[in-house]
Amino acid sequence: MRLKRLTAVLAVVALVLGAMASPASAHDVDRERLEWFGPPMTVETGEVHNKAQSRLARHEHKVKAKVKTRELSPGNAYTVWLVIFNTPEGCQTSPCGEADIGYGPATSSVIWSGASGVARPNGKLKTKGVLRVGNPAGYQQLLADLGAPDPGFLDADDAEIHFVIRDHGPVTGNPDQLTTFEGDCTAASSFGLGAGTYECVDVQFSIHEADD
């Protein structure tokens, strides 16, 4: 009888340990609160409502990005960008910062996440996208467009990934508005890439560190 009980207990332990070791375990999914960018290149500490968050699910060769936010401009188009630090241990600060983008041992990349949308009349936005490791075709890599080194997305497990939500102004029907950094933006607000009339601006961000 004791042997049967011991066998049953060991079987349960094995099942629990197997679930903990599964690639879809809870530690592969990270949720972070979205914060506001303040005027220029600063961060406001007043923040966004607690329910405004980004969600990053890490898989072996890809990440899935989701955004649920609010207090945006109703009817405006927004894109979600991933600022990826492939080697965060090479960053000058922890978490990585602006000075680590483009050059240096952090091997960074800035890629449209595949997520975009138009804010609802109540200012809320829910959107999601998938980004695969590599240099994804059809996904704008901003640093490459600006002539800076851009290795692409190298490591889904260990990269530090920042979400950036960008405002492209009232929706116009131009597909570039929901797929590119410069869609409908003025040249001044898009590093010289755009030819539109709206002063585009990065409005919200979150940081997903690799060990979260």
Foldseek 3Di string as FASTA:
>chain_A
DVVVVVVVVVVVVVVVVVQCPDQQDPQQKDKWFKFWADPDPHGDPVGFPRVWIKMWGFDFWKIKIKTKGFPADAQWKKFKKKWKQQQCVFAPDVRHDPVPPQDTDSQIWIKGQQWMDGQHPRGIDIIMHMDGFFADPQIDTLSVVVVGDHGGHHGRQAMKIKMWMKTQTRDDPPPCSHGDQAVQDPCVQRVRPHNHDDNMDTTIMTIDGNSD
